[in-house]
Amino acid sequence: MNWIKKICFIIIVVSLIFVNLYTKGWAEEKWSKNDPITDEWAMIDLLVARPIGIVAGVFGTGIFILSLPFTLSTGSVDDAAQMFIVKPFEFSFRKFPDNDM
């Protein structure tokens, strides 16, 4: 009976060691700096996401102007301007930092 406990203990210790090594392997970076996938994501960002942000900023400006009578009465003009105008244009024209891959 005592040998069964020793075998179970050894199996548990070995499995914990292998699980620890396995999760560290998953945490490593998958792509190198010159990987073409990162170039594709940059192209999608430039051709799709940024123009959508500009369109959202333009429509947000219109929504802000329409909601101005309501936001003036509640005193939340700054919050509305931040949400409808500043954030979409900031997303569109701000350079995101590189991840140093």
PDB file of N, CA and C in Angstrom:
ATOM      1  N   MET A   1       0.819  -1.201   0.000  1.00  0.00           N
ATOM      2  CA  MET A   1       0.000   0.000   0.000  1.00  0.00           C
ATOM      3  C   MET A   1       0.859   1.258   0.000  1.00  0.00           C
ATOM      4  N   ASN A   2       1.988   1.206   0.669  1.00  0.00           N
ATOM      5  CA  ASN A   2       2.879   2.339   0.751  1.00  0.00           C
ATOM      6  C   ASN A   2       3.514   2.633  -0.605  1.00  0.00           C
ATOM      7  N   TRP A   3       3.788   1.612  -1.398  1.00  0.00           N
ATOM      8  CA  TRP A   3       4.395   1.806  -2.710  1.00  0.00           C
ATOM      9  C   TRP A   3       3.414   2.477  -3.680  1.00  0.00           C
ATOM     10  N   ILE A   4       2.107   2.261  -3.476  1.00  0.00           N
ATOM     11  CA  ILE A   4       1.107   2.915  -4.318  1.00  0.00           C
ATOM     12  C   ILE A   4       1.123   4.425  -4.067  1.00  0.00           C
ATOM     13  N   LYS A   5       1.269   4.817  -2.824  1.00  0.00           N
ATOM     14  CA  LYS A   5       1.352   6.236  -2.501  1.00  0.00           C
ATOM     15  C   LYS A   5       2.587   6.871  -3.123  1.00  0.00           C
ATOM     16  N   LYS A   6       3.721   6.150  -3.095  1.00  0.00           N
ATOM     17  CA  LYS A   6       4.944   6.677  -3.688  1.00  0.00           C
ATOM     18  C   LYS A   6       4.801   6.834  -5.197  1.00  0.00           C
ATOM     19  N   ILE A   7       4.190   5.851  -5.841  1.00  0.00           N
ATOM     20  CA  ILE A   7       3.996   5.925  -7.293  1.00  0.00           C
ATOM     21  C   ILE A   7       3.053   7.069  -7.644  1.00  0.00           C
ATOM     22  N   CYS A   8       1.982   7.224  -6.893  1.00  0.00           N
ATOM     23  CA  CYS A   8       1.051   8.336  -7.139  1.00  0.00           C
ATOM     24  C   CYS A   8       1.735   9.675  -6.934  1.00  0.00           C
ATOM     25  N   PHE A   9       2.568   9.771  -5.897  1.00  0.00           N
ATOM     26  CA  PHE A   9       3.286  11.009  -5.649  1.00  0.00           C
ATOM     27  C   PHE A   9       4.244  11.329  -6.791  1.00  0.00           C
ATOM     28  N   ILE A  10       4.964  10.340  -7.283  1.00  0.00           N
ATOM     29  CA  ILE A  10       5.898  10.543  -8.391  1.00  0.00           C
ATOM     30  C   ILE A  10       5.145  10.959  -9.657  1.00  0.00           C
ATOM     31  N   ILE A  11       4.014  10.320  -9.933  1.00  0.00           N
ATOM     32  CA  ILE A  11       3.219  10.665 -11.109  1.00  0.00           C
ATOM     33  C   ILE A  11       2.711  12.102 -11.006  1.00  0.00           C
ATOM     34  N   ILE A  12       2.261  12.509  -9.834  1.00  0.00           N
ATOM     35  CA  ILE A  12       1.765  13.873  -9.651  1.00  0.00           C
ATOM     36  C   ILE A  12       2.892  14.887  -9.836  1.00  0.00           C
ATOM     37  N   VAL A  13       4.060  14.624  -9.262  1.00  0.00           N
ATOM     38  CA  VAL A  13       5.180  15.551  -9.391  1.00  0.00           C
ATOM     39  C   VAL A  13       5.623  15.667 -10.853  1.00  0.00           C
ATOM     40  N   VAL A  14       5.754  14.555 -11.540  1.00  0.00           N
ATOM     41  CA  VAL A  14       6.172  14.578 -12.943  1.00  0.00           C
ATOM     42  C   VAL A  14       5.130  15.301 -13.803  1.00  0.00           C
ATOM     43  N   SER A  15       3.851  15.044 -13.547  1.00  0.00           N
ATOM     44  CA  SER A  15       2.815  15.710 -14.349  1.00  0.00           C
ATOM     45  C   SER A  15       2.802  17.209 -14.087  1.00  0.00           C
ATOM     46  N   LEU A  16       3.031  17.648 -12.856  1.00  0.00           N
ATOM     47  CA  LEU A  16       3.092  19.080 -12.578  1.00  0.00           C
ATOM     48  C   LEU A  16       4.279  19.741 -13.274  1.00  0.00           C
ATOM     49  N   ILE A  17       5.389  19.036 -13.343  1.00  0.00           N
ATOM     50  CA  ILE A  17       6.553  19.581 -14.047  1.00  0.00           C
ATOM     51  C   ILE A  17       6.252  19.723 -15.528  1.00  0.00           C
ATOM     52  N   PHE A  18       5.654  18.690 -16.134  1.00  0.00           N
ATOM     53  CA  PHE A  18       5.352  18.765 -17.568  1.00  0.00           C
ATOM     54  C   PHE A  18       4.278  19.806 -17.879  1.00  0.00           C
ATOM     55  N   VAL A  19       3.303  19.958 -17.018  1.00  0.00           N
ATOM     56  CA  VAL A  19       2.273  20.980 -17.241  1.00  0.00           C
ATOM     57  C   VAL A  19       2.895  22.362 -17.195  1.00  0.00           C
ATOM     58  N   ASN A  20       3.822  22.579 -16.287  1.00  0.00           N
ATOM     59  CA  ASN A  20       4.492  23.866 -16.189  1.00  0.00           C
ATOM     60  C   ASN A  20       5.293  24.159 -17.448  1.00  0.00           C
ATOM     61  N   LEU A  21       5.993  23.195 -17.987  1.00  0.00           N
ATOM     62  CA  LEU A  21       6.752  23.394 -19.217  1.00  0.00           C
ATOM     63  C   LEU A  21       5.826  23.625 -20.406  1.00  0.00           C
ATOM     64  N   TYR A  22       4.714  22.952 -20.434  1.00  0.00           N
ATOM     65  CA  TYR A  22       3.770  23.078 -21.545  1.00  0.00           C
ATOM     66  C   TYR A  22       3.153  24.468 -21.592  1.00  0.00           C
ATOM     67  N   THR A  23       2.768  25.026 -20.457  1.00  0.00           N
ATOM     68  CA  THR A  23       2.162  26.360 -20.459  1.00  0.00           C
ATOM     69  C   THR A  23       3.178  27.435 -20.814  1.00  0.00           C
ATOM     70  N   LYS A  24       4.442  27.257 -20.452  1.00  0.00           N
ATOM     71  CA  LYS A  24       5.455  28.237 -20.850  1.00  0.00           C
ATOM     72  C   LYS A  24       5.661  28.213 -22.353  1.00  0.00           C
ATOM     73  N   GLY A  25       5.529  27.082 -22.975  1.00  0.00           N
ATOM     74  CA  GLY A  25       5.628  26.999 -24.428  1.00  0.00           C
ATOM     75  C   GLY A  25       4.506  27.738 -25.111  1.00  0.00           C
ATOM     76  N   TRP A  26       3.315  27.718 -24.539  1.00  0.00           N
ATOM     77  CA  TRP A  26       2.183  28.438 -25.125  1.00  0.00           C
ATOM     78  C   TRP A  26       2.331  29.941 -24.957  1.00  0.00           C
ATOM     79  N   ALA A  27       3.039  30.381 -23.945  1.00  0.00           N
ATOM     80  CA  ALA A  27       3.162  31.808 -23.674  1.00  0.00           C
ATOM     81  C   ALA A  27       4.177  32.499 -24.575  1.00  0.00           C
ATOM     82  N   GLU A  28       5.003  31.745 -25.287  1.00  0.00           N
ATOM     83  CA  GLU A  28       6.008  32.355 -26.141  1.00  0.00           C
ATOM     84  C   GLU A  28       5.358  32.987 -27.362  1.00  0.00           C
ATOM     85  N   GLU A  29       6.065  33.914 -27.955  1.00  0.00           N
ATOM     86  CA  GLU A  29       5.570  34.571 -29.161  1.00  0.00           C
ATOM     87  C   GLU A  29       5.544  33.576 -30.307  1.00  0.00           C
ATOM     88  N   LYS A  30       4.473  33.622 -31.093  1.00  0.00           N
ATOM     89  CA  LYS A  30       4.337  32.686 -32.199  1.00  0.00           C
ATOM     90  C   LYS A  30       4.991  33.206 -33.468  1.00  0.00           C
ATOM     91  N   TRP A  31       5.036  34.515 -33.643  1.00  0.00           N
ATOM     92  CA  TRP A  31       5.491  35.076 -34.900  1.00  0.00           C
ATOM     93  C   TRP A  31       6.793  35.833 -34.716  1.00  0.00           C
ATOM     94  N   SER A  32       7.598  35.773 -35.724  1.00  0.00           N
ATOM     95  CA  SER A  32       8.841  36.527 -35.698  1.00  0.00           C
ATOM     96  C   SER A  32       8.595  37.945 -36.211  1.00  0.00           C
ATOM     97  N   LYS A  33       9.623  38.764 -36.172  1.00  0.00           N
ATOM     98  CA  LYS A  33       9.466  40.159 -36.576  1.00  0.00           C
ATOM     99  C   LYS A  33       9.172  40.294 -38.069  1.00  0.00           C
ATOM    100  N   ASN A  34       9.719  39.428 -38.888  1.00  0.00           N
ATOM    101  CA  ASN A  34       9.547  39.519 -40.333  1.00  0.00           C
ATOM    102  C   ASN A  34       8.439  38.607 -40.844  1.00  0.00           C
ATOM    103  N   ASP A  35       7.532  38.246 -40.005  1.00  0.00           N
ATOM    104  CA  ASP A  35       6.444  37.357 -40.398  1.00  0.00           C
ATOM    105  C   ASP A  35       5.448  38.112 -41.273  1.00  0.00           C
ATOM    106  N   PRO A  36       5.034  37.535 -42.404  1.00  0.00           N
ATOM    107  CA  PRO A  36       4.104  38.255 -43.286  1.00  0.00           C
ATOM    108  C   PRO A  36       2.717  38.449 -42.683  1.00  0.00           C
ATOM    109  N   ILE A  37       2.357  37.692 -41.661  1.00  0.00           N
ATOM    110  CA  ILE A  37       1.041  37.853 -41.046  1.00  0.00           C
ATOM    111  C   ILE A  37       0.933  39.222 -40.377  1.00  0.00           C
ATOM    112  N   THR A  38       2.005  39.681 -39.760  1.00  0.00           N
ATOM    113  CA  THR A  38       1.958  41.002 -39.133  1.00  0.00           C
ATOM    114  C   THR A  38       1.792  42.094 -40.189  1.00  0.00           C
ATOM    115  N   ASP A  39       2.366  41.883 -41.368  1.00  0.00           N
ATOM    116  CA  ASP A  39       2.171  42.857 -42.451  1.00  0.00           C
ATOM    117  C   ASP A  39       0.721  42.871 -42.912  1.00  0.00           C
ATOM    118  N   GLU A  40       0.087  41.706 -42.939  1.00  0.00           N
ATOM    119  CA  GLU A  40      -1.316  41.641 -43.342  1.00  0.00           C
ATOM    120  C   GLU A  40      -2.207  42.351 -42.334  1.00  0.00           C
ATOM    121  N   TRP A  41      -1.922  42.175 -41.049  1.00  0.00           N
ATOM    122  CA  TRP A  41      -2.724  42.870 -40.034  1.00  0.00           C
ATOM    123  C   TRP A  41      -2.536  44.377 -40.136  1.00  0.00           C
ATOM    124  N   ALA A  42      -1.319  44.817 -40.439  1.00  0.00           N
ATOM    125  CA  ALA A  42      -1.083  46.254 -40.609  1.00  0.00           C
ATOM    126  C   ALA A  42      -1.851  46.783 -41.815  1.00  0.00           C
ATOM    127  N   MET A  43      -1.930  45.981 -42.889  1.00  0.00           N
ATOM    128  CA  MET A  43      -2.676  46.406 -44.071  1.00  0.00           C
ATOM    129  C   MET A  43      -4.172  46.468 -43.773  1.00  0.00           C
ATOM    130  N   ILE A  44      -4.686  45.487 -43.040  1.00  0.00           N
ATOM    131  CA  ILE A  44      -6.104  45.501 -42.668  1.00  0.00           C
ATOM    132  C   ILE A  44      -6.400  46.708 -41.782  1.00  0.00           C
ATOM    133  N   ASP A  45      -5.477  47.010 -40.876  1.00  0.00           N
ATOM    134  CA  ASP A  45      -5.649  48.181 -40.008  1.00  0.00           C
ATOM    135  C   ASP A  45      -5.698  49.455 -40.837  1.00  0.00           C
ATOM    136  N   LEU A  46      -4.810  49.570 -41.810  1.00  0.00           N
ATOM    137  CA  LEU A  46      -4.734  50.779 -42.628  1.00  0.00           C
ATOM    138  C   LEU A  46      -5.910  50.917 -43.585  1.00  0.00           C
ATOM    139  N   LEU A  47      -6.328  49.817 -44.202  1.00  0.00           N
ATOM    140  CA  LEU A  47      -7.351  49.895 -45.244  1.00  0.00           C
ATOM    141  C   LEU A  47      -8.774  49.714 -44.748  1.00  0.00           C
ATOM    142  N   VAL A  48      -8.956  49.110 -43.563  1.00  0.00           N
ATOM    143  CA  VAL A  48     -10.312  48.831 -43.081  1.00  0.00           C
ATOM    144  C   VAL A  48     -10.619  49.576 -41.783  1.00  0.00           C
ATOM    145  N   ALA A  49      -9.808  49.333 -40.761  1.00  0.00           N
ATOM    146  CA  ALA A  49     -10.144  49.840 -39.428  1.00  0.00           C
ATOM    147  C   ALA A  49     -10.047  51.366 -39.343  1.00  0.00           C
ATOM    148  N   ARG A  50      -8.995  51.945 -39.881  1.00  0.00           N
ATOM    149  CA  ARG A  50      -8.834  53.394 -39.784  1.00  0.00           C
ATOM    150  C   ARG A  50      -9.911  54.156 -40.561  1.00  0.00           C
ATOM    151  N   PRO A  51     -10.251  53.744 -41.798  1.00  0.00           N
ATOM    152  CA  PRO A  51     -11.356  54.445 -42.478  1.00  0.00           C
ATOM    153  C   PRO A  51     -12.697  54.296 -41.754  1.00  0.00           C
ATOM    154  N   ILE A  52     -12.929  53.140 -41.147  1.00  0.00           N
ATOM    155  CA  ILE A  52     -14.165  52.970 -40.368  1.00  0.00           C
ATOM    156  C   ILE A  52     -14.165  53.929 -39.180  1.00  0.00           C
ATOM    157  N   GLY A  53     -12.997  54.139 -38.567  1.00  0.00           N
ATOM    158  CA  GLY A  53     -12.896  55.098 -37.471  1.00  0.00           C
ATOM    159  C   GLY A  53     -13.170  56.524 -37.919  1.00  0.00           C
ATOM    160  N   ILE A  54     -12.717  56.871 -39.119  1.00  0.00           N
ATOM    161  CA  ILE A  54     -12.984  58.219 -39.643  1.00  0.00           C
ATOM    162  C   ILE A  54     -14.473  58.401 -39.909  1.00  0.00           C
ATOM    163  N   VAL A  55     -15.100  57.375 -40.524  1.00  0.00           N
ATOM    164  CA  VAL A  55     -16.544  57.444 -40.777  1.00  0.00           C
ATOM    165  C   VAL A  55     -17.314  57.527 -39.461  1.00  0.00           C
ATOM    166  N   ALA A  56     -16.867  56.774 -38.453  1.00  0.00           N
ATOM    167  CA  ALA A  56     -17.527  56.831 -37.147  1.00  0.00           C
ATOM    168  C   ALA A  56     -17.373  58.214 -36.525  1.00  0.00           C
ATOM    169  N   GLY A  57     -16.221  58.850 -36.731  1.00  0.00           N
ATOM    170  CA  GLY A  57     -16.032  60.211 -36.215  1.00  0.00           C
ATOM    171  C   GLY A  57     -16.927  61.220 -36.895  1.00  0.00           C
ATOM    172  N   VAL A  58     -17.109  61.077 -38.211  1.00  0.00           N
ATOM    173  CA  VAL A  58     -17.979  61.998 -38.941  1.00  0.00           C
ATOM    174  C   VAL A  58     -19.431  61.815 -38.513  1.00  0.00           C
ATOM    175  N   PHE A  59     -19.892  60.558 -38.457  1.00  0.00           N
ATOM    176  CA  PHE A  59     -21.259  60.312 -37.998  1.00  0.00           C
ATOM    177  C   PHE A  59     -21.430  60.693 -36.531  1.00  0.00           C
ATOM    178  N   GLY A  60     -20.387  60.479 -35.734  1.00  0.00           N
ATOM    179  CA  GLY A  60     -20.443  60.872 -34.335  1.00  0.00           C
ATOM    180  C   GLY A  60     -20.571  62.366 -34.161  1.00  0.00           C
ATOM    181  N   THR A  61     -19.933  63.130 -35.048  1.00  0.00           N
ATOM    182  CA  THR A  61     -20.078  64.580 -35.003  1.00  0.00           C
ATOM    183  C   THR A  61     -21.518  64.987 -35.281  1.00  0.00           C
ATOM    184  N   GLY A  62     -22.144  64.329 -36.247  1.00  0.00           N
ATOM    185  CA  GLY A  62     -23.560  64.608 -36.531  1.00  0.00           C
ATOM    186  C   GLY A  62     -24.461  64.239 -35.368  1.00  0.00           C
ATOM    187  N   ILE A  63     -24.205  63.083 -34.762  1.00  0.00           N
ATOM    188  CA  ILE A  63     -25.004  62.676 -33.605  1.00  0.00           C
ATOM    189  C   ILE A  63     -24.785  63.639 -32.446  1.00  0.00           C
ATOM    190  N   PHE A  64     -23.531  64.092 -32.271  1.00  0.00           N
ATOM    191  CA  PHE A  64     -23.243  65.052 -31.208  1.00  0.00           C
ATOM    192  C   PHE A  64     -24.018  66.346 -31.406  1.00  0.00           C
ATOM    193  N   ILE A  65     -24.064  66.843 -32.647  1.00  0.00           N
ATOM    194  CA  ILE A  65     -24.798  68.080 -32.927  1.00  0.00           C
ATOM    195  C   ILE A  65     -26.287  67.882 -32.665  1.00  0.00           C
ATOM    196  N   LEU A  66     -26.827  66.714 -33.055  1.00  0.00           N
ATOM    197  CA  LEU A  66     -28.251  66.446 -32.807  1.00  0.00           C
ATOM    198  C   LEU A  66     -28.562  66.304 -31.318  1.00  0.00           C
ATOM    199  N   SER A  67     -27.625  65.766 -30.566  1.00  0.00           N
ATOM    200  CA  SER A  67     -27.881  65.556 -29.138  1.00  0.00           C
ATOM    201  C   SER A  67     -27.480  66.749 -28.278  1.00  0.00           C
ATOM    202  N   LEU A  68     -26.949  67.793 -28.888  1.00  0.00           N
ATOM    203  CA  LEU A  68     -26.467  68.948 -28.135  1.00  0.00           C
ATOM    204  C   LEU A  68     -27.530  69.613 -27.255  1.00  0.00           C
ATOM    205  N   PRO A  69     -28.787  69.770 -27.694  1.00  0.00           N
ATOM    206  CA  PRO A  69     -29.777  70.366 -26.794  1.00  0.00           C
ATOM    207  C   PRO A  69     -30.011  69.528 -25.525  1.00  0.00           C
ATOM    208  N   PHE A  70     -29.925  68.215 -25.659  1.00  0.00           N
ATOM    209  CA  PHE A  70     -30.151  67.351 -24.504  1.00  0.00           C
ATOM    210  C   PHE A  70     -28.946  67.325 -23.576  1.00  0.00           C
ATOM    211  N   THR A  71     -27.751  67.344 -24.163  1.00  0.00           N
ATOM    212  CA  THR A  71     -26.549  67.308 -23.325  1.00  0.00           C
ATOM    213  C   THR A  71     -26.290  68.652 -22.644  1.00  0.00           C
ATOM    214  N   LEU A  72     -26.735  69.748 -23.252  1.00  0.00           N
ATOM    215  CA  LEU A  72     -26.590  71.058 -22.597  1.00  0.00           C
ATOM    216  C   LEU A  72     -27.431  71.121 -21.331  1.00  0.00           C
ATOM    217  N   SER A  73     -28.632  70.548 -21.406  1.00  0.00           N
ATOM    218  CA  SER A  73     -29.510  70.616 -20.235  1.00  0.00           C
ATOM    219  C   SER A  73     -29.012  69.721 -19.094  1.00  0.00           C
ATOM    220  N   THR A  74     -28.315  68.655 -19.413  1.00  0.00           N
ATOM    221  CA  THR A  74     -27.824  67.765 -18.355  1.00  0.00           C
ATOM    222  C   THR A  74     -26.391  68.069 -17.947  1.00  0.00           C
ATOM    223  N   GLY A  75     -25.714  68.919 -18.719  1.00  0.00           N
ATOM    224  CA  GLY A  75     -24.341  69.277 -18.370  1.00  0.00           C
ATOM    225  C   GLY A  75     -23.318  68.223 -18.751  1.00  0.00           C
ATOM    226  N   SER A  76     -23.639  67.394 -19.709  1.00  0.00           N
ATOM    227  CA  SER A  76     -22.718  66.331 -20.106  1.00  0.00           C
ATOM    228  C   SER A  76     -22.190  66.522 -21.523  1.00  0.00           C
ATOM    229  N   VAL A  77     -21.948  67.757 -21.905  1.00  0.00           N
ATOM    230  CA  VAL A  77     -21.452  68.055 -23.249  1.00  0.00           C
ATOM    231  C   VAL A  77     -20.048  67.476 -23.435  1.00  0.00           C
ATOM    232  N   ASP A  78     -19.190  67.607 -22.420  1.00  0.00           N
ATOM    233  CA  ASP A  78     -17.821  67.090 -22.535  1.00  0.00           C
ATOM    234  C   ASP A  78     -17.807  65.572 -22.703  1.00  0.00           C
ATOM    235  N   ASP A  79     -18.648  64.878 -21.944  1.00  0.00           N
ATOM    236  CA  ASP A  79     -18.714  63.418 -22.068  1.00  0.00           C
ATOM    237  C   ASP A  79     -19.206  63.002 -23.446  1.00  0.00           C
ATOM    238  N   ALA A  80     -20.207  63.697 -23.957  1.00  0.00           N
ATOM    239  CA  ALA A  80     -20.738  63.364 -25.279  1.00  0.00           C
ATOM    240  C   ALA A  80     -19.711  63.667 -26.366  1.00  0.00           C
ATOM    241  N   ALA A  81     -19.022  64.767 -26.252  1.00  0.00           N
ATOM    242  CA  ALA A  81     -17.997  65.100 -27.247  1.00  0.00           C
ATOM    243  C   ALA A  81     -16.868  64.078 -27.214  1.00  0.00           C
ATOM    244  N   GLN A  82     -16.492  63.661 -26.029  1.00  0.00           N
ATOM    245  CA  GLN A  82     -15.441  62.652 -25.888  1.00  0.00           C
ATOM    246  C   GLN A  82     -15.858  61.341 -26.553  1.00  0.00           C
ATOM    247  N   MET A  83     -17.092  60.932 -26.326  1.00  0.00           N
ATOM    248  CA  MET A  83     -17.556  59.648 -26.842  1.00  0.00           C
ATOM    249  C   MET A  83     -17.816  59.693 -28.344  1.00  0.00           C
ATOM    250  N   PHE A  84     -18.436  60.732 -28.844  1.00  0.00           N
ATOM    251  CA  PHE A  84     -18.861  60.755 -30.243  1.00  0.00           C
ATOM    252  C   PHE A  84     -17.813  61.316 -31.207  1.00  0.00           C
ATOM    253  N   ILE A  85     -16.939  62.201 -30.729  1.00  0.00           N
ATOM    254  CA  ILE A  85     -16.002  62.863 -31.641  1.00  0.00           C
ATOM    255  C   ILE A  85     -14.553  62.482 -31.349  1.00  0.00           C
ATOM    256  N   VAL A  86     -14.120  62.676 -30.118  1.00  0.00           N
ATOM    257  CA  VAL A  86     -12.692  62.545 -29.802  1.00  0.00           C
ATOM    258  C   VAL A  86     -12.212  61.103 -29.924  1.00  0.00           C
ATOM    259  N   LYS A  87     -12.923  60.145 -29.346  1.00  0.00           N
ATOM    260  CA  LYS A  87     -12.447  58.762 -29.368  1.00  0.00           C
ATOM    261  C   LYS A  87     -12.363  58.169 -30.777  1.00  0.00           C
ATOM    262  N   PRO A  88     -13.359  58.346 -31.646  1.00  0.00           N
ATOM    263  CA  PRO A  88     -13.195  57.788 -33.001  1.00  0.00           C
ATOM    264  C   PRO A  88     -12.040  58.422 -33.788  1.00  0.00           C
ATOM    265  N   PHE A  89     -11.890  59.750 -33.697  1.00  0.00           N
ATOM    266  CA  PHE A  89     -10.794  60.394 -34.422  1.00  0.00           C
ATOM    267  C   PHE A  89      -9.438  60.073 -33.790  1.00  0.00           C
ATOM    268  N   GLU A  90      -9.400  59.911 -32.484  1.00  0.00           N
ATOM    269  CA  GLU A  90      -8.154  59.520 -31.831  1.00  0.00           C
ATOM    270  C   GLU A  90      -7.745  58.122 -32.276  1.00  0.00           C
ATOM    271  N   PHE A  91      -8.710  57.212 -32.395  1.00  0.00           N
ATOM    272  CA  PHE A  91      -8.412  55.872 -32.889  1.00  0.00           C
ATOM    273  C   PHE A  91      -7.895  55.929 -34.324  1.00  0.00           C
ATOM    274  N   SER A  92      -8.474  56.791 -35.133  1.00  0.00           N
ATOM    275  CA  SER A  92      -8.121  56.833 -36.556  1.00  0.00           C
ATOM    276  C   SER A  92      -6.758  57.448 -36.816  1.00  0.00           C
ATOM    277  N   PHE A  93      -6.363  58.422 -36.030  1.00  0.00           N
ATOM    278  CA  PHE A  93      -5.149  59.159 -36.352  1.00  0.00           C
ATOM    279  C   PHE A  93      -4.004  58.959 -35.365  1.00  0.00           C
ATOM    280  N   ARG A  94      -4.184  58.148 -34.353  1.00  0.00           N
ATOM    281  CA  ARG A  94      -3.114  57.896 -33.394  1.00  0.00           C
ATOM    282  C   ARG A  94      -2.327  56.675 -33.834  1.00  0.00           C
ATOM    283  N   LYS A  95      -0.997  56.737 -33.734  1.00  0.00           N
ATOM    284  CA  LYS A  95      -0.162  55.606 -34.065  1.00  0.00           C
ATOM    285  C   LYS A  95      -0.063  54.689 -32.848  1.00  0.00           C
ATOM    286  N   PHE A  96      -0.384  53.436 -33.050  1.00  0.00           N
ATOM    287  CA  PHE A  96      -0.285  52.486 -31.965  1.00  0.00           C
ATOM    288  C   PHE A  96       1.167  52.094 -31.774  1.00  0.00           C
ATOM    289  N   PRO A  97       1.599  51.869 -30.544  1.00  0.00           N
ATOM    290  CA  PRO A  97       2.997  51.488 -30.317  1.00  0.00           C
ATOM    291  C   PRO A  97       3.277  50.086 -30.851  1.00  0.00           C
ATOM    292  N   ASP A  98       4.498  49.885 -31.323  1.00  0.00           N
ATOM    293  CA  ASP A  98       4.888  48.557 -31.820  1.00  0.00           C
ATOM    294  C   ASP A  98       5.072  47.611 -30.640  1.00  0.00           C
ATOM    295  N   ASN A  99       4.879  46.330 -30.913  1.00  0.00           N
ATOM    296  CA  ASN A  99       4.989  45.327 -29.856  1.00  0.00           C
ATOM    297  C   ASN A  99       6.410  44.809 -29.706  1.00  0.00           C
ATOM    298  N   ASP A 100       7.338  45.279 -30.515  1.00  0.00           N
ATOM    299  CA  ASP A 100       8.740  44.830 -30.467  1.00  0.00           C
ATOM    300  C   ASP A 100       8.845  43.322 -30.574  1.00  0.00           C
ATOM    301  N   MET A 101       8.251  42.791 -31.615  1.00  0.00           N
ATOM    302  CA  MET A 101       8.280  41.338 -31.773  1.00  0.00           C
ATOM    303  C   MET A 101       9.603  40.872 -32.282  1.00  0.00           C
TER     304      MET A 101
END
